[in-house]
Amino acid sequence: MAVGIHEANHYLTAKKLGLQPRYGGSAIEHICETDQWVCTFGQTQVPIEEYQKLTIEQTAEFLVAGSVAERVILGFAPDETSQSDYEALIFSGRGKPSDLIWLWKKTGERMIRELQADLEAQRRLIHAGARYESEIFGIDRSVRASPIQ
């Protein structure tokens, strides 16, 4: 459930910022900012041209969204689920790392307060998380499965 909630908030935030997101499944990815390879269980993808047009504040909002969703909906957020998001901001080259760390923290705090205060947004997030899980991990309803014996 954590992956679905995490990615759903990235997706909803991307839409709010005017981006055209889509969901992607499991992958092995290269993180350019840190020159590391990671395995992901799912991801929200946005066109790079659109992503590069975001202000640094918008970029922080997009990247911190997954962690915010986990903290509000699930009550906790393991560091490893947002590590690549955090590093993407800190090593983006769009400011001093100390300023970007502060931006991550302040943006996250603001977004947590906003999501905690908005039950309708929480409902939308849970439904989006269910759609994500169904799309990425769900059963193909176009085929008939054999009954379990």
N, C-alpha and C. Protein backbone atom coordinates (compact mmCIF):
# COMPACT_ATOMS: atom_id res chain seq x y z
N MET A 1 0.81 -1.18 0.00
CA MET A 1 0.00 0.00 0.00
C MET A 1 0.86 1.26 0.00
N ALA A 2 2.03 1.20 0.62
CA ALA A 2 2.90 2.38 0.70
C ALA A 2 3.28 2.89 -0.68
N VAL A 3 3.63 1.96 -1.59
CA VAL A 3 4.03 2.39 -2.93
C VAL A 3 2.86 3.09 -3.63
N GLY A 4 1.67 2.53 -3.53
CA GLY A 4 0.50 3.13 -4.18
C GLY A 4 0.19 4.51 -3.66
N ILE A 5 0.21 4.69 -2.33
CA ILE A 5 -0.07 5.99 -1.72
C ILE A 5 1.03 6.99 -2.10
N HIS A 6 2.27 6.55 -2.00
CA HIS A 6 3.42 7.40 -2.32
C HIS A 6 3.34 7.91 -3.76
N GLU A 7 3.19 6.99 -4.69
CA GLU A 7 3.18 7.38 -6.11
C GLU A 7 1.92 8.15 -6.49
N ALA A 8 0.81 7.82 -5.85
CA ALA A 8 -0.43 8.54 -6.14
C ALA A 8 -0.30 10.02 -5.80
N ASN A 9 0.38 10.33 -4.70
CA ASN A 9 0.52 11.75 -4.36
C ASN A 9 1.49 12.46 -5.29
N HIS A 10 2.51 11.75 -5.77
CA HIS A 10 3.35 12.34 -6.82
C HIS A 10 2.47 12.67 -8.04
N TYR A 11 1.62 11.71 -8.41
CA TYR A 11 0.76 11.87 -9.58
C TYR A 11 -0.19 13.06 -9.40
N LEU A 12 -0.89 13.10 -8.27
CA LEU A 12 -1.86 14.18 -8.02
C LEU A 12 -1.16 15.54 -7.96
N THR A 13 0.02 15.58 -7.36
CA THR A 13 0.78 16.83 -7.29
C THR A 13 1.24 17.26 -8.67
N ALA A 14 1.67 16.32 -9.48
CA ALA A 14 2.08 16.64 -10.85
C ALA A 14 0.92 17.25 -11.63
N LYS A 15 -0.27 16.64 -11.49
CA LYS A 15 -1.46 17.19 -12.17
C LYS A 15 -1.74 18.62 -11.69
N LYS A 16 -1.64 18.83 -10.38
CA LYS A 16 -1.89 20.16 -9.80
C LYS A 16 -0.89 21.19 -10.36
N LEU A 17 0.33 20.75 -10.64
CA LEU A 17 1.36 21.64 -11.17
C LEU A 17 1.28 21.81 -12.69
N GLY A 18 0.28 21.16 -13.31
CA GLY A 18 0.10 21.30 -14.75
C GLY A 18 0.91 20.33 -15.59
N LEU A 19 1.47 19.31 -14.96
CA LEU A 19 2.25 18.31 -15.69
C LEU A 19 1.33 17.20 -16.20
N GLN A 20 1.83 16.40 -17.11
CA GLN A 20 1.08 15.27 -17.67
C GLN A 20 1.72 13.97 -17.18
N PRO A 21 1.41 13.55 -15.94
CA PRO A 21 2.05 12.36 -15.38
C PRO A 21 1.46 11.07 -15.91
N ARG A 22 2.22 10.01 -15.74
CA ARG A 22 1.72 8.66 -16.00
C ARG A 22 2.44 7.72 -15.05
N TYR A 23 1.83 6.59 -14.83
CA TYR A 23 2.42 5.61 -13.93
C TYR A 23 3.30 4.65 -14.71
N GLY A 24 4.40 4.26 -14.09
CA GLY A 24 5.28 3.25 -14.65
C GLY A 24 5.44 2.15 -13.62
N GLY A 25 5.75 0.98 -14.08
CA GLY A 25 5.91 -0.16 -13.18
C GLY A 25 7.32 -0.29 -12.65
N SER A 26 7.64 -1.48 -12.22
CA SER A 26 8.96 -1.77 -11.65
C SER A 26 10.04 -1.50 -12.68
N ALA A 27 11.19 -1.07 -12.17
CA ALA A 27 12.30 -0.75 -13.07
C ALA A 27 13.60 -0.70 -12.31
N ILE A 28 14.67 -0.82 -13.04
CA ILE A 28 16.00 -0.53 -12.52
C ILE A 28 16.38 0.80 -13.15
N GLU A 29 16.71 1.78 -12.32
CA GLU A 29 16.95 3.13 -12.81
C GLU A 29 18.31 3.63 -12.39
N HIS A 30 18.84 4.51 -13.23
CA HIS A 30 20.08 5.21 -12.90
C HIS A 30 19.72 6.59 -12.38
N ILE A 31 20.19 6.92 -11.19
CA ILE A 31 19.97 8.25 -10.61
C ILE A 31 21.16 9.10 -10.99
N CYS A 32 20.96 10.00 -11.95
CA CYS A 32 22.07 10.82 -12.47
C CYS A 32 22.74 11.64 -11.39
N GLU A 33 21.91 12.25 -10.51
CA GLU A 33 22.45 13.16 -9.51
C GLU A 33 23.47 12.50 -8.59
N THR A 34 23.29 11.21 -8.31
CA THR A 34 24.18 10.49 -7.39
C THR A 34 24.97 9.38 -8.07
N ASP A 35 24.74 9.17 -9.36
CA ASP A 35 25.38 8.10 -10.13
C ASP A 35 25.19 6.74 -9.46
N GLN A 36 23.94 6.46 -9.04
CA GLN A 36 23.62 5.18 -8.42
C GLN A 36 22.53 4.49 -9.21
N TRP A 37 22.47 3.16 -9.06
CA TRP A 37 21.41 2.36 -9.66
C TRP A 37 20.48 1.92 -8.55
N VAL A 38 19.18 2.00 -8.79
CA VAL A 38 18.18 1.59 -7.80
C VAL A 38 17.10 0.75 -8.47
N CYS A 39 16.47 -0.09 -7.67
CA CYS A 39 15.32 -0.87 -8.12
C CYS A 39 14.08 -0.20 -7.57
N THR A 40 13.10 0.07 -8.43
CA THR A 40 11.85 0.69 -7.98
C THR A 40 10.70 -0.29 -8.18
N PHE A 41 9.71 -0.19 -7.32
CA PHE A 41 8.52 -1.03 -7.43
C PHE A 41 7.42 -0.34 -8.21
N GLY A 42 7.64 0.89 -8.57
CA GLY A 42 6.69 1.67 -9.33
C GLY A 42 7.15 3.12 -9.32
N GLN A 43 6.59 3.90 -10.20
CA GLN A 43 7.03 5.28 -10.30
C GLN A 43 5.99 6.13 -11.00
N THR A 44 6.05 7.42 -10.72
CA THR A 44 5.26 8.39 -11.45
C THR A 44 6.21 9.08 -12.41
N GLN A 45 5.86 9.06 -13.67
CA GLN A 45 6.73 9.64 -14.69
C GLN A 45 6.10 10.91 -15.25
N VAL A 46 6.95 11.92 -15.50
CA VAL A 46 6.50 13.13 -16.16
C VAL A 46 7.49 13.44 -17.27
N PRO A 47 7.01 14.05 -18.35
CA PRO A 47 7.93 14.40 -19.44
C PRO A 47 9.05 15.33 -18.93
N ILE A 48 10.28 15.00 -19.28
CA ILE A 48 11.44 15.73 -18.78
C ILE A 48 11.37 17.22 -19.13
N GLU A 49 10.83 17.54 -20.32
CA GLU A 49 10.74 18.95 -20.71
C GLU A 49 9.83 19.72 -19.76
N GLU A 50 8.74 19.09 -19.33
CA GLU A 50 7.82 19.73 -18.39
C GLU A 50 8.48 19.85 -17.01
N TYR A 51 9.14 18.80 -16.57
CA TYR A 51 9.79 18.77 -15.27
C TYR A 51 10.84 19.88 -15.15
N GLN A 52 11.60 20.08 -16.21
CA GLN A 52 12.67 21.08 -16.19
C GLN A 52 12.14 22.51 -16.15
N LYS A 53 10.88 22.71 -16.48
CA LYS A 53 10.28 24.05 -16.44
C LYS A 53 9.77 24.43 -15.06
N LEU A 54 9.73 23.49 -14.13
CA LEU A 54 9.23 23.77 -12.79
C LEU A 54 10.19 24.70 -12.05
N THR A 55 9.64 25.59 -11.22
CA THR A 55 10.49 26.37 -10.33
C THR A 55 11.05 25.41 -9.28
N ILE A 56 12.04 25.86 -8.54
CA ILE A 56 12.62 24.99 -7.52
C ILE A 56 11.59 24.68 -6.43
N GLU A 57 10.72 25.62 -6.14
CA GLU A 57 9.66 25.38 -5.15
C GLU A 57 8.68 24.33 -5.64
N GLN A 58 8.32 24.39 -6.93
CA GLN A 58 7.42 23.39 -7.51
C GLN A 58 8.10 22.02 -7.56
N THR A 59 9.38 22.01 -7.88
CA THR A 59 10.13 20.76 -7.91
C THR A 59 10.13 20.12 -6.53
N ALA A 60 10.36 20.93 -5.50
CA ALA A 60 10.34 20.40 -4.12
C ALA A 60 8.97 19.84 -3.79
N GLU A 61 7.92 20.55 -4.18
CA GLU A 61 6.56 20.08 -3.90
C GLU A 61 6.31 18.73 -4.58
N PHE A 62 6.70 18.61 -5.84
CA PHE A 62 6.51 17.35 -6.57
C PHE A 62 7.30 16.22 -5.90
N LEU A 63 8.56 16.48 -5.55
CA LEU A 63 9.41 15.42 -5.02
C LEU A 63 9.05 15.00 -3.59
N VAL A 64 8.62 15.93 -2.75
CA VAL A 64 8.30 15.60 -1.36
C VAL A 64 6.90 14.99 -1.22
N ALA A 65 6.09 15.06 -2.26
CA ALA A 65 4.69 14.61 -2.19
C ALA A 65 4.54 13.16 -1.74
N GLY A 66 5.39 12.28 -2.18
CA GLY A 66 5.28 10.87 -1.80
C GLY A 66 5.47 10.66 -0.31
N SER A 67 6.49 11.29 0.24
CA SER A 67 6.75 11.19 1.67
C SER A 67 5.61 11.79 2.48
N VAL A 68 5.07 12.90 2.04
CA VAL A 68 3.94 13.55 2.71
C VAL A 68 2.75 12.59 2.78
N ALA A 69 2.45 11.95 1.67
CA ALA A 69 1.31 11.02 1.62
C ALA A 69 1.50 9.87 2.61
N GLU A 70 2.68 9.30 2.66
CA GLU A 70 2.94 8.19 3.58
C GLU A 70 2.77 8.65 5.03
N ARG A 71 3.30 9.81 5.35
CA ARG A 71 3.23 10.31 6.74
C ARG A 71 1.78 10.57 7.16
N VAL A 72 0.99 11.15 6.27
CA VAL A 72 -0.39 11.50 6.64
C VAL A 72 -1.30 10.28 6.61
N ILE A 73 -1.25 9.50 5.56
CA ILE A 73 -2.18 8.38 5.39
C ILE A 73 -1.76 7.15 6.19
N LEU A 74 -0.47 6.84 6.17
CA LEU A 74 0.01 5.62 6.83
C LEU A 74 0.57 5.88 8.23
N GLY A 75 0.85 7.14 8.54
CA GLY A 75 1.38 7.48 9.86
C GLY A 75 2.89 7.44 9.97
N PHE A 76 3.58 7.02 8.92
CA PHE A 76 5.05 6.98 8.93
C PHE A 76 5.53 6.94 7.48
N ALA A 77 6.81 7.24 7.30
CA ALA A 77 7.41 7.18 5.96
C ALA A 77 8.85 6.69 6.11
N PRO A 78 9.11 5.45 5.72
CA PRO A 78 10.50 4.97 5.79
C PRO A 78 11.41 5.83 4.92
N ASP A 79 12.59 6.15 5.41
CA ASP A 79 13.52 7.01 4.67
C ASP A 79 13.80 6.49 3.26
N GLU A 80 13.93 5.18 3.14
CA GLU A 80 14.33 4.61 1.85
C GLU A 80 13.29 4.82 0.74
N THR A 81 12.03 5.01 1.09
CA THR A 81 11.03 5.18 0.03
C THR A 81 11.11 6.54 -0.63
N SER A 82 11.72 7.51 0.04
CA SER A 82 11.83 8.85 -0.53
C SER A 82 13.28 9.29 -0.74
N GLN A 83 14.21 8.39 -0.50
CA GLN A 83 15.63 8.75 -0.61
C GLN A 83 15.98 9.28 -1.99
N SER A 84 15.51 8.62 -3.03
CA SER A 84 15.86 9.09 -4.38
C SER A 84 15.17 10.42 -4.69
N ASP A 85 13.97 10.65 -4.15
CA ASP A 85 13.29 11.94 -4.34
C ASP A 85 14.10 13.05 -3.65
N TYR A 86 14.51 12.78 -2.42
CA TYR A 86 15.30 13.73 -1.64
C TYR A 86 16.60 14.07 -2.36
N GLU A 87 17.31 13.03 -2.80
CA GLU A 87 18.59 13.24 -3.48
C GLU A 87 18.42 13.97 -4.80
N ALA A 88 17.31 13.73 -5.49
CA ALA A 88 17.07 14.43 -6.75
C ALA A 88 16.98 15.93 -6.52
N LEU A 89 16.41 16.35 -5.40
CA LEU A 89 16.33 17.78 -5.09
C LEU A 89 17.68 18.30 -4.61
N ILE A 90 18.28 17.63 -3.65
CA ILE A 90 19.51 18.11 -3.03
C ILE A 90 20.66 18.20 -4.04
N PHE A 91 20.74 17.23 -4.95
CA PHE A 91 21.83 17.20 -5.92
C PHE A 91 21.41 17.72 -7.29
N SER A 92 20.34 18.51 -7.32
CA SER A 92 19.83 19.02 -8.59
C SER A 92 20.71 20.13 -9.19
N GLY A 93 21.56 20.71 -8.37
CA GLY A 93 22.40 21.80 -8.85
C GLY A 93 21.63 23.12 -8.96
N ARG A 94 20.46 23.18 -8.35
CA ARG A 94 19.61 24.36 -8.45
C ARG A 94 19.65 25.21 -7.18
N GLY A 95 20.71 25.08 -6.44
CA GLY A 95 20.88 25.85 -5.21
C GLY A 95 21.90 25.17 -4.32
N LYS A 96 22.23 25.85 -3.21
CA LYS A 96 23.15 25.25 -2.24
C LYS A 96 22.44 24.08 -1.56
N PRO A 97 23.13 22.96 -1.35
CA PRO A 97 22.50 21.82 -0.70
C PRO A 97 21.81 22.19 0.62
N SER A 98 22.42 23.05 1.43
CA SER A 98 21.80 23.42 2.71
C SER A 98 20.47 24.15 2.49
N ASP A 99 20.41 25.00 1.46
CA ASP A 99 19.15 25.69 1.15
C ASP A 99 18.10 24.72 0.64
N LEU A 100 18.53 23.73 -0.13
CA LEU A 100 17.59 22.76 -0.69
C LEU A 100 17.08 21.79 0.39
N ILE A 101 17.92 21.47 1.36
CA ILE A 101 17.48 20.65 2.49
C ILE A 101 16.41 21.41 3.27
N TRP A 102 16.64 22.69 3.51
CA TRP A 102 15.67 23.53 4.21
C TRP A 102 14.36 23.60 3.41
N LEU A 103 14.47 23.77 2.08
CA LEU A 103 13.28 23.82 1.23
C LEU A 103 12.50 22.51 1.31
N TRP A 104 13.18 21.36 1.26
CA TRP A 104 12.53 20.05 1.39
C TRP A 104 11.75 19.98 2.69
N LYS A 105 12.40 20.36 3.79
CA LYS A 105 11.78 20.29 5.12
C LYS A 105 10.57 21.22 5.21
N LYS A 106 10.72 22.47 4.82
CA LYS A 106 9.63 23.44 4.91
C LYS A 106 8.47 23.07 3.99
N THR A 107 8.76 22.63 2.79
CA THR A 107 7.71 22.23 1.85
C THR A 107 6.95 21.03 2.41
N GLY A 108 7.68 20.05 2.93
CA GLY A 108 7.04 18.88 3.51
C GLY A 108 6.15 19.22 4.69
N GLU A 109 6.63 20.08 5.56
CA GLU A 109 5.82 20.48 6.73
C GLU A 109 4.53 21.17 6.29
N ARG A 110 4.64 22.06 5.33
CA ARG A 110 3.45 22.77 4.84
C ARG A 110 2.46 21.81 4.20
N MET A 111 2.97 20.90 3.36
CA MET A 111 2.09 19.96 2.66
C MET A 111 1.43 18.98 3.64
N ILE A 112 2.15 18.59 4.69
CA ILE A 112 1.56 17.71 5.69
C ILE A 112 0.40 18.41 6.38
N ARG A 113 0.60 19.66 6.80
CA ARG A 113 -0.49 20.41 7.44
C ARG A 113 -1.70 20.52 6.52
N GLU A 114 -1.44 20.83 5.24
CA GLU A 114 -2.55 20.99 4.29
C GLU A 114 -3.31 19.68 4.09
N LEU A 115 -2.59 18.58 3.93
CA LEU A 115 -3.25 17.29 3.69
C LEU A 115 -3.98 16.81 4.95
N GLN A 116 -3.40 17.01 6.11
CA GLN A 116 -4.07 16.62 7.35
C GLN A 116 -5.39 17.36 7.53
N ALA A 117 -5.46 18.59 7.06
CA ALA A 117 -6.66 19.42 7.24
C ALA A 117 -7.72 19.20 6.17
N ASP A 118 -7.43 18.40 5.15
CA ASP A 118 -8.33 18.25 4.01
C ASP A 118 -8.73 16.78 3.82
N LEU A 119 -9.84 16.39 4.44
CA LEU A 119 -10.29 15.00 4.35
C LEU A 119 -10.65 14.60 2.93
N GLU A 120 -11.18 15.52 2.14
CA GLU A 120 -11.51 15.21 0.74
C GLU A 120 -10.23 14.90 -0.05
N ALA A 121 -9.17 15.64 0.19
CA ALA A 121 -7.90 15.37 -0.48
C ALA A 121 -7.35 14.00 -0.06
N GLN A 122 -7.53 13.65 1.21
CA GLN A 122 -7.10 12.33 1.68
C GLN A 122 -7.89 11.23 0.99
N ARG A 123 -9.20 11.44 0.82
CA ARG A 123 -10.04 10.45 0.13
C ARG A 123 -9.58 10.29 -1.32
N ARG A 124 -9.33 11.42 -2.00
CA ARG A 124 -8.85 11.37 -3.40
C ARG A 124 -7.52 10.63 -3.48
N LEU A 125 -6.66 10.86 -2.51
CA LEU A 125 -5.36 10.21 -2.49
C LEU A 125 -5.49 8.70 -2.31
N ILE A 126 -6.34 8.27 -1.42
CA ILE A 126 -6.54 6.83 -1.21
C ILE A 126 -7.11 6.17 -2.47
N HIS A 127 -8.06 6.83 -3.11
CA HIS A 127 -8.62 6.28 -4.36
C HIS A 127 -7.57 6.26 -5.46
N ALA A 128 -6.76 7.30 -5.55
CA ALA A 128 -5.69 7.32 -6.55
C ALA A 128 -4.66 6.23 -6.26
N GLY A 129 -4.38 5.98 -4.99
CA GLY A 129 -3.46 4.90 -4.62
C GLY A 129 -4.00 3.54 -5.03
N ALA A 130 -5.30 3.34 -4.85
CA ALA A 130 -5.93 2.08 -5.26
C ALA A 130 -5.87 1.92 -6.78
N ARG A 131 -6.11 3.02 -7.51
CA ARG A 131 -6.01 2.96 -8.98
C ARG A 131 -4.59 2.64 -9.41
N TYR A 132 -3.61 3.24 -8.74
CA TYR A 132 -2.21 2.97 -9.05
C TYR A 132 -1.91 1.48 -8.86
N GLU A 133 -2.27 0.96 -7.70
CA GLU A 133 -1.99 -0.45 -7.43
C GLU A 133 -2.69 -1.37 -8.42
N SER A 134 -3.91 -1.03 -8.79
CA SER A 134 -4.64 -1.83 -9.75
C SER A 134 -3.97 -1.78 -11.12
N GLU A 135 -3.53 -0.59 -11.52
CA GLU A 135 -2.91 -0.43 -12.84
C GLU A 135 -1.55 -1.10 -12.91
N ILE A 136 -0.76 -0.98 -11.86
CA ILE A 136 0.61 -1.52 -11.88
C ILE A 136 0.67 -2.97 -11.44
N PHE A 137 -0.06 -3.31 -10.37
CA PHE A 137 0.04 -4.66 -9.80
C PHE A 137 -1.23 -5.48 -9.96
N GLY A 138 -2.26 -4.92 -10.55
CA GLY A 138 -3.57 -5.56 -10.57
C GLY A 138 -3.69 -6.74 -11.51
N ILE A 139 -4.85 -7.34 -11.44
CA ILE A 139 -5.18 -8.49 -12.27
C ILE A 139 -5.69 -8.00 -13.61
N ASP A 140 -5.28 -8.65 -14.67
CA ASP A 140 -5.77 -8.33 -16.01
C ASP A 140 -7.20 -8.86 -16.12
N ARG A 141 -8.16 -7.97 -16.11
CA ARG A 141 -9.58 -8.36 -16.13
C ARG A 141 -10.04 -8.79 -17.53
N SER A 142 -9.16 -8.66 -18.53
CA SER A 142 -9.55 -9.05 -19.88
C SER A 142 -9.39 -10.55 -20.11
N VAL A 143 -8.81 -11.26 -19.16
CA VAL A 143 -8.64 -12.71 -19.29
C VAL A 143 -9.35 -13.39 -18.13
N ARG A 144 -9.72 -14.61 -18.36
CA ARG A 144 -10.39 -15.37 -17.30
C ARG A 144 -9.37 -16.25 -16.62
N ALA A 145 -9.28 -16.14 -15.30
CA ALA A 145 -8.38 -16.98 -14.53
C ALA A 145 -9.07 -18.28 -14.16
N SER A 146 -8.31 -19.35 -14.01
CA SER A 146 -8.89 -20.60 -13.55
C SER A 146 -9.28 -20.46 -12.08
N PRO A 147 -10.33 -21.14 -11.71
CA PRO A 147 -10.73 -21.11 -10.29
C PRO A 147 -9.62 -21.73 -9.44
N ILE A 148 -9.44 -21.20 -8.25
CA ILE A 148 -8.44 -21.75 -7.33
C ILE A 148 -8.99 -23.07 -6.78
N GLN A 149 -8.17 -24.07 -6.82
CA GLN A 149 -8.57 -25.42 -6.39
C GLN A 149 -8.15 -25.67 -4.97
